[in-house]
Amino acid sequence: MTTGTVPFKHRWLFSLLWTNVAVALVDLVVFVGGPARSTRDLLQSLAFTFVYANLTSFFALLILGWLIERLALRGVPPWKVVIPGILVFTTGGCLLAQSLLAAAGFSGSQHFWLDYYRTLRFAVPLALVFGLGAMTHATLLARVQMMERELHEKQIAGERSRKLAAETRLRSLESWIHPHFLFNTLNSISALIAIDPARADQIVGRLAILLRASLDTSANSLIPLHQEIAMVESYLDIERVRLGDKLRARVEVPDELRETKVPPMSIQSLVENAVKHGITPQSDGGDLVVSGRADAEGIHIEVGDTGPGFELADICAGHGLDKLVQRLDTLFGDRARLNVTRRDAYSVVEMILPRP
């Protein structure tokens, strides 16, 4: 059975067994509360009841569930199928059962239609009660199953997001702790100590900010934009000491976006990629711009550089940008994405996030 768009596997054998148990209990209640009758009368009544119940419910359970599922795809509510279906299968099943009993000689044909009418007076209300009760149970069960499935999917998505975020932080941390990076940074600090101690101390602080921020965001799938920008500015400040005039970078993110939530190390990954592949290989360096804006579509964060550019399809699996695409998909689905474009002299990587 299907409720709305929620699939429900109709266990018709179990329902048929439950129908037999239910009608047997009803028959026993009627027998106990009615005039005194023999055990033989009780057994005969139960036998007749089982014939009526099974011929009525068997085809209903077999066909009605399939019919509800098909019509639900067209937006027909289940109750609009269940109620007419119960009436049709009950009247038809009782007629078939009484005809078979009459043909077998267990029921006289003299008062056939009168007996049929009397049977329907009891069968239709009972069928409606049990049928609507079964539909309500199926609806509630389907909703519980859907909620459990959605919760499980969210747990899996959250775990995947945390794993991808941890991998990204480790990759960035490894790039900073990499001997080549540390050697260049420490060499820059050493050179600055003699000529500009204050600047050397500042670079040490910038390096500490990067390492501390990478560890502090380990439990968060999203952080405020101003925290991410602080990491980006620290990274760029360190690279300016190493690259000098080759790196001409600026950050132009409006203050009204400061509290916007972004995945940690997301903009940092874009900036690292731009410095490594767009600026450093150029003999005369280049310009790098980090900008942000908001519109009806969402939050746009752009990192542009004057390097040769690339295509997003060319990114290798496991690359920092590939990991970022996976994280965006896990966190936001199709509401977030990366675009790579060429705009004037800049290769621009645009990260689009949904508005809060």
Protein backbone atom coordinates (compact mmCIF):
# COMPACT_ATOMS: atom_id res chain seq x y z
CA MET A 1 0.00 0.00 0.00
CA THR A 2 1.14 3.52 -0.60
CA THR A 3 0.33 6.57 1.47
CA GLY A 4 0.90 9.75 -0.56
CA THR A 5 4.34 9.15 -1.97
CA VAL A 6 5.40 6.76 0.78
CA PRO A 7 5.69 3.13 -0.36
CA PHE A 8 4.16 0.52 1.97
CA LYS A 9 4.67 -3.21 1.41
CA HIS A 10 1.31 -4.79 2.02
CA ARG A 11 1.76 -8.05 3.93
CA TRP A 12 -1.49 -9.51 2.67
CA LEU A 13 -0.96 -12.99 4.15
CA PHE A 14 -0.59 -11.50 7.62
CA SER A 15 -3.62 -9.29 7.01
CA LEU A 16 -5.65 -12.31 5.89
CA LEU A 17 -4.71 -14.17 9.07
CA TRP A 18 -5.62 -11.14 11.19
CA THR A 19 -8.97 -10.88 9.37
CA ASN A 20 -9.79 -14.48 10.27
CA VAL A 21 -8.86 -13.95 13.90
CA ALA A 22 -10.91 -10.74 14.09
CA VAL A 23 -14.09 -12.20 12.59
CA ALA A 24 -13.75 -15.29 14.78
CA LEU A 25 -13.61 -13.08 17.87
CA VAL A 26 -16.66 -11.13 16.69
CA ASP A 27 -18.53 -14.38 16.08
CA LEU A 28 -17.63 -15.63 19.56
CA VAL A 29 -18.81 -12.38 21.15
CA VAL A 30 -22.12 -12.63 19.29
CA PHE A 31 -22.47 -16.29 20.27
CA VAL A 32 -21.80 -15.63 23.97
CA GLY A 33 -24.08 -12.58 24.13
CA GLY A 34 -26.91 -14.13 22.13
CA PRO A 35 -29.48 -16.82 22.91
CA ALA A 36 -28.19 -20.20 24.05
CA ARG A 37 -26.98 -22.39 21.20
CA SER A 38 -25.07 -25.66 20.91
CA THR A 39 -21.37 -26.04 20.17
CA ARG A 40 -22.35 -27.44 16.77
CA ASP A 41 -24.15 -24.20 15.98
CA LEU A 42 -21.04 -22.27 16.99
CA LEU A 43 -18.77 -24.37 14.75
CA GLN A 44 -21.19 -24.03 11.82
CA SER A 45 -21.37 -20.27 12.34
CA LEU A 46 -17.56 -20.03 12.48
CA ALA A 47 -17.24 -22.09 9.29
CA PHE A 48 -19.70 -19.87 7.44
CA THR A 49 -18.01 -16.77 8.82
CA PHE A 50 -14.57 -17.92 7.61
CA VAL A 51 -15.95 -18.60 4.12
CA TYR A 52 -17.47 -15.12 3.91
CA ALA A 53 -14.43 -13.40 5.46
CA ASN A 54 -11.86 -15.12 3.27
CA LEU A 55 -13.71 -14.75 -0.01
CA THR A 56 -14.29 -11.08 0.81
CA SER A 57 -10.83 -10.20 2.11
CA PHE A 58 -8.64 -12.38 -0.13
CA PHE A 59 -9.41 -10.53 -3.36
CA ALA A 60 -9.59 -7.20 -1.53
CA LEU A 61 -6.14 -7.65 -0.04
CA LEU A 62 -4.71 -8.97 -3.29
CA ILE A 63 -6.15 -6.30 -5.61
CA LEU A 64 -6.89 -3.30 -3.42
CA GLY A 65 -3.30 -2.83 -2.26
CA TRP A 66 -2.03 -2.90 -5.86
CA LEU A 67 -4.78 -0.49 -6.93
CA ILE A 68 -4.00 1.97 -4.12
CA GLU A 69 -0.31 1.91 -5.02
CA ARG A 70 -0.99 2.63 -8.70
CA LEU A 71 -3.49 5.42 -8.07
CA ALA A 72 -1.26 7.01 -5.43
CA LEU A 73 1.23 7.73 -8.21
CA ARG A 74 -1.48 9.94 -9.73
CA GLY A 75 -2.05 11.73 -6.43
CA VAL A 76 -5.25 9.89 -5.40
CA PRO A 77 -5.51 9.71 -1.57
CA PRO A 78 -5.76 6.12 -0.25
CA TRP A 79 -9.10 6.66 1.52
CA LYS A 80 -10.75 7.52 -1.82
CA VAL A 81 -9.81 4.02 -2.97
CA VAL A 82 -10.23 2.11 0.29
CA ILE A 83 -13.85 3.02 1.07
CA PRO A 84 -15.34 2.26 -2.40
CA GLY A 85 -13.06 -0.78 -2.64
CA ILE A 86 -14.28 -2.17 0.67
CA LEU A 87 -17.92 -1.73 -0.39
CA VAL A 88 -17.35 -3.40 -3.76
CA PHE A 89 -15.31 -6.35 -2.47
CA THR A 90 -17.57 -6.87 0.54
CA THR A 91 -20.78 -6.99 -1.48
CA GLY A 92 -19.14 -9.08 -4.19
CA GLY A 93 -17.40 -11.42 -1.75
CA CYS A 94 -20.54 -12.03 0.28
CA LEU A 95 -22.51 -12.74 -2.89
CA LEU A 96 -19.87 -15.21 -4.06
CA ALA A 97 -19.67 -16.89 -0.66
CA GLN A 98 -23.46 -17.26 -0.35
CA SER A 99 -23.68 -18.60 -3.91
CA LEU A 100 -21.01 -21.23 -3.22
CA LEU A 101 -22.66 -22.27 0.05
CA ALA A 102 -26.02 -22.53 -1.68
CA ALA A 103 -24.55 -24.57 -4.53
CA ALA A 104 -22.90 -26.91 -2.01
CA GLY A 105 -26.18 -27.40 -0.22
CA PHE A 106 -25.17 -25.68 3.01
CA SER A 107 -27.58 -22.81 2.54
CA GLY A 108 -31.07 -22.81 1.16
CA SER A 109 -31.93 -20.81 -1.95
CA GLN A 110 -35.51 -20.04 -0.93
CA HIS A 111 -34.56 -16.88 0.95
CA PHE A 112 -31.32 -16.24 -0.91
CA TRP A 113 -31.59 -12.47 -1.32
CA LEU A 114 -33.07 -11.89 2.10
CA ASP A 115 -30.20 -13.83 3.70
CA TYR A 116 -27.76 -11.92 1.51
CA TYR A 117 -29.21 -8.61 2.71
CA ARG A 118 -28.99 -9.70 6.34
CA THR A 119 -25.36 -10.75 5.85
CA LEU A 120 -24.46 -7.40 4.34
CA ARG A 121 -25.93 -5.55 7.31
CA PHE A 122 -23.21 -7.06 9.48
CA ALA A 123 -20.44 -7.54 6.91
CA VAL A 124 -20.26 -3.98 5.52
CA PRO A 125 -19.87 -2.15 8.87
CA LEU A 126 -17.30 -4.71 10.06
CA ALA A 127 -15.39 -4.48 6.78
CA LEU A 128 -15.33 -0.68 6.96
CA VAL A 129 -14.09 -0.74 10.57
CA PHE A 130 -11.35 -3.28 9.90
CA GLY A 131 -10.45 -1.85 6.48
CA LEU A 132 -10.15 1.76 7.66
CA GLY A 133 -8.31 0.56 10.75
CA ALA A 134 -5.85 -1.33 8.57
CA MET A 135 -5.39 1.72 6.35
CA THR A 136 -4.74 3.94 9.40
CA HIS A 137 -2.24 1.42 10.75
CA ALA A 138 -0.52 1.20 7.36
CA THR A 139 -0.38 4.99 7.09
CA LEU A 140 1.14 5.44 10.54
CA LEU A 141 3.59 2.59 9.98
CA ALA A 142 4.65 4.03 6.62
CA ARG A 143 5.23 7.45 8.18
CA VAL A 144 7.29 5.94 10.99
CA GLN A 145 9.36 3.99 8.46
CA MET A 146 9.86 7.11 6.36
CA MET A 147 10.96 9.12 9.41
CA GLU A 148 13.36 6.37 10.45
CA ARG A 149 14.77 6.23 6.93
CA GLU A 150 15.19 10.01 6.74
CA LEU A 151 16.85 10.07 10.16
CA HIS A 152 19.20 7.28 9.11
CA GLU A 153 20.04 9.11 5.88
CA LYS A 154 20.72 12.32 7.80
CA GLN A 155 22.98 10.44 10.21
CA ILE A 156 24.89 8.91 7.31
CA ALA A 157 25.12 12.29 5.55
CA GLY A 158 26.31 13.95 8.76
CA GLU A 159 28.93 11.28 9.34
CA ARG A 160 30.09 11.54 5.73
CA SER A 161 30.29 15.33 6.03
CA ARG A 162 32.35 15.10 9.21
CA LYS A 163 34.66 12.58 7.56
CA LEU A 164 35.15 14.73 4.47
CA ALA A 165 35.67 17.82 6.63
CA ALA A 166 38.25 15.97 8.71
CA GLU A 167 40.04 14.81 5.54
CA THR A 168 40.07 18.37 4.22
CA ARG A 169 41.45 19.75 7.48
CA LEU A 170 44.11 17.06 7.56
CA ARG A 171 45.06 17.80 3.96
CA SER A 172 45.35 21.51 4.71
CA LEU A 173 47.20 20.81 7.94
CA GLU A 174 49.58 18.51 6.11
CA SER A 175 50.20 21.20 3.48
CA TRP A 176 51.14 23.66 6.22
CA ILE A 177 53.23 21.18 8.21
CA HIS A 178 54.85 19.90 5.02
CA PRO A 179 58.65 20.38 5.39
CA HIS A 180 58.79 22.59 2.29
CA PHE A 181 56.07 24.93 3.57
CA LEU A 182 57.51 25.05 7.08
CA PHE A 183 61.02 25.59 5.74
CA ASN A 184 59.89 28.54 3.62
CA THR A 185 57.84 30.02 6.47
CA LEU A 186 60.58 29.61 9.07
CA ASN A 187 63.15 30.94 6.63
CA SER A 188 60.97 33.99 6.05
CA ILE A 189 60.58 34.49 9.80
CA SER A 190 64.33 34.12 10.30
CA ALA A 191 65.05 36.75 7.64
CA LEU A 192 62.48 39.12 9.14
CA ILE A 193 63.85 38.87 12.69
CA ALA A 194 66.91 40.92 11.83
CA ILE A 195 65.18 43.60 9.78
CA ASP A 196 61.59 43.64 11.05
CA PRO A 197 61.09 41.77 14.37
CA ALA A 198 57.50 42.96 14.66
CA ARG A 199 56.66 41.51 11.24
CA ALA A 200 58.40 38.24 12.15
CA ASP A 201 56.34 38.01 15.31
CA GLN A 202 53.21 38.69 13.27
CA ILE A 203 53.97 35.83 10.88
CA VAL A 204 54.50 33.47 13.80
CA GLY A 205 51.06 34.50 15.04
CA ARG A 206 49.57 33.94 11.58
CA LEU A 207 50.98 30.42 11.46
CA ALA A 208 49.59 29.71 14.93
CA ILE A 209 46.15 30.96 13.82
CA LEU A 210 46.14 28.57 10.88
CA LEU A 211 47.10 25.55 12.94
CA ARG A 212 44.77 26.40 15.81
CA ALA A 213 41.80 27.13 13.53
CA SER A 214 42.23 23.84 11.71
CA LEU A 215 41.99 21.97 15.00
CA ASP A 216 39.27 24.13 16.59
CA THR A 217 36.79 23.53 13.75
CA SER A 218 37.11 19.73 13.95
CA ALA A 219 33.63 19.28 15.43
CA ASN A 220 31.76 21.76 13.21
CA SER A 221 30.38 21.14 9.76
CA LEU A 222 29.73 24.88 9.32
CA ILE A 223 31.48 27.94 10.77
CA PRO A 224 30.90 31.72 10.50
CA LEU A 225 32.36 33.30 7.38
CA HIS A 226 34.51 35.71 9.41
CA GLN A 227 36.39 32.76 10.96
CA GLU A 228 37.09 31.31 7.54
CA ILE A 229 38.23 34.71 6.24
CA ALA A 230 40.59 35.04 9.23
CA MET A 231 42.28 31.78 8.18
CA VAL A 232 42.45 32.93 4.57
CA GLU A 233 44.04 36.25 5.52
CA SER A 234 46.57 34.51 7.76
CA TYR A 235 47.52 32.15 4.95
CA LEU A 236 47.84 34.98 2.43
CA ASP A 237 49.95 37.02 4.85
CA ILE A 238 52.40 34.15 5.22
CA GLU A 239 52.56 33.63 1.47
CA ARG A 240 53.14 37.35 0.87
CA VAL A 241 56.39 37.11 2.86
CA ARG A 242 57.55 34.23 0.68
CA LEU A 243 56.32 35.45 -2.70
CA GLY A 244 56.73 39.19 -2.17
CA ASP A 245 55.30 41.31 -4.99
CA LYS A 246 54.42 38.21 -6.99
CA LEU A 247 51.32 37.78 -4.82
CA ARG A 248 48.92 40.70 -5.08
CA ALA A 249 45.92 39.53 -3.06
CA ARG A 250 42.96 41.26 -1.54
CA VAL A 251 39.80 40.18 0.29
CA GLU A 252 36.57 42.01 -0.56
CA VAL A 253 33.84 40.33 1.47
CA PRO A 254 31.11 42.68 2.78
CA ASP A 255 30.56 42.88 6.54
CA GLU A 256 26.89 41.86 6.25
CA LEU A 257 28.03 38.36 5.29
CA ARG A 258 30.32 37.93 8.30
CA GLU A 259 27.94 35.60 10.16
CA THR A 260 27.02 33.53 7.10
CA LYS A 261 27.83 29.86 7.73
CA VAL A 262 30.28 28.15 5.38
CA PRO A 263 32.02 24.75 5.46
CA PRO A 264 35.36 25.06 7.31
CA MET A 265 38.45 25.19 5.08
CA SER A 266 36.25 25.68 1.99
CA ILE A 267 37.43 29.16 0.96
CA GLN A 268 40.86 28.28 2.28
CA SER A 269 41.03 25.34 -0.15
CA LEU A 270 40.07 27.61 -3.06
CA VAL A 271 42.71 30.17 -2.09
CA GLU A 272 45.43 27.54 -1.65
CA ASN A 273 44.60 26.14 -5.08
CA ALA A 274 44.77 29.62 -6.64
CA VAL A 275 48.14 30.45 -5.02
CA LYS A 276 49.70 27.09 -5.85
CA HIS A 277 48.46 26.67 -9.43
CA GLY A 278 47.53 30.18 -10.53
CA ILE A 279 50.06 32.57 -8.96
CA THR A 280 53.26 30.69 -8.03
CA PRO A 281 54.02 29.22 -11.52
CA GLN A 282 53.90 32.68 -13.15
CA SER A 283 57.28 34.42 -13.36
CA ASP A 284 55.76 37.79 -12.54
CA GLY A 285 53.14 36.40 -10.17
CA GLY A 286 49.57 37.60 -10.41
CA ASP A 287 46.50 39.03 -8.75
CA LEU A 288 44.17 37.13 -6.44
CA VAL A 289 40.78 38.38 -5.27
CA VAL A 290 38.43 36.87 -2.70
CA SER A 291 34.94 38.38 -2.91
CA GLY A 292 31.45 37.67 -1.69
CA ARG A 293 27.91 38.75 -2.35
CA ALA A 294 24.33 37.65 -1.68
CA ASP A 295 21.35 37.58 -4.02
CA ALA A 296 18.09 35.71 -4.44
CA GLU A 297 19.94 32.60 -5.61
CA GLY A 298 22.12 32.34 -2.51
CA ILE A 299 25.52 33.29 -1.10
CA HIS A 300 28.27 33.65 -3.70
CA ILE A 301 31.91 33.36 -2.65
CA GLU A 302 34.41 33.86 -5.47
CA VAL A 303 38.17 33.29 -5.62
CA GLY A 304 39.71 34.64 -8.81
CA ASP A 305 43.32 34.66 -9.97
CA THR A 306 45.14 35.76 -13.11
CA GLY A 307 46.61 32.31 -13.71
CA PRO A 308 45.95 30.03 -16.70
CA GLY A 309 42.75 28.57 -15.22
CA PHE A 310 41.34 25.05 -15.34
CA GLU A 311 38.15 23.06 -15.86
CA LEU A 312 36.27 21.56 -12.94
CA ALA A 313 35.89 18.32 -14.90
CA ASP A 314 39.70 17.99 -14.97
CA ILE A 315 39.99 17.82 -11.17
CA CYS A 316 41.36 14.45 -10.08
CA ALA A 317 39.51 12.32 -7.54
CA GLY A 318 40.79 13.03 -4.05
CA HIS A 319 41.98 16.53 -4.93
CA GLY A 320 41.11 19.30 -2.48
CA LEU A 321 38.47 20.76 -4.79
CA ASP A 322 36.99 17.31 -5.43
CA LYS A 323 36.65 16.85 -1.66
CA LEU A 324 35.01 20.27 -1.42
CA VAL A 325 32.45 19.34 -4.09
CA GLN A 326 31.61 16.17 -2.13
CA ARG A 327 31.22 18.13 1.10
CA LEU A 328 28.90 20.66 -0.51
CA ASP A 329 26.79 17.85 -1.92
CA THR A 330 26.61 16.13 1.47
CA LEU A 331 25.75 19.31 3.38
CA PHE A 332 23.38 21.01 0.94
CA GLY A 333 22.55 18.63 -1.90
CA ASP A 334 21.75 20.41 -5.17
CA ARG A 335 21.33 23.72 -3.33
CA ALA A 336 25.10 24.30 -3.40
CA ARG A 337 27.72 23.93 -6.12
CA LEU A 338 31.06 25.06 -7.53
CA ASN A 339 31.35 26.90 -10.84
CA VAL A 340 34.60 27.55 -12.72
CA THR A 341 34.53 30.37 -15.27
CA ARG A 342 36.85 32.71 -17.13
CA ARG A 343 36.01 36.36 -16.51
CA ASP A 344 38.16 38.99 -18.21
CA ALA A 345 41.73 38.15 -17.17
CA TYR A 346 40.68 36.07 -14.17
CA SER A 347 40.04 32.41 -13.65
CA VAL A 348 37.18 32.42 -11.15
CA VAL A 349 36.04 29.60 -8.89
CA GLU A 350 32.59 30.43 -7.51
CA MET A 351 31.11 28.63 -4.52
CA ILE A 352 27.33 29.06 -4.26
CA LEU A 353 25.69 28.28 -0.91
CA PRO A 354 21.99 28.42 0.02
CA ARG A 355 20.78 31.41 1.97
CA PRO A 356 20.21 30.75 5.70
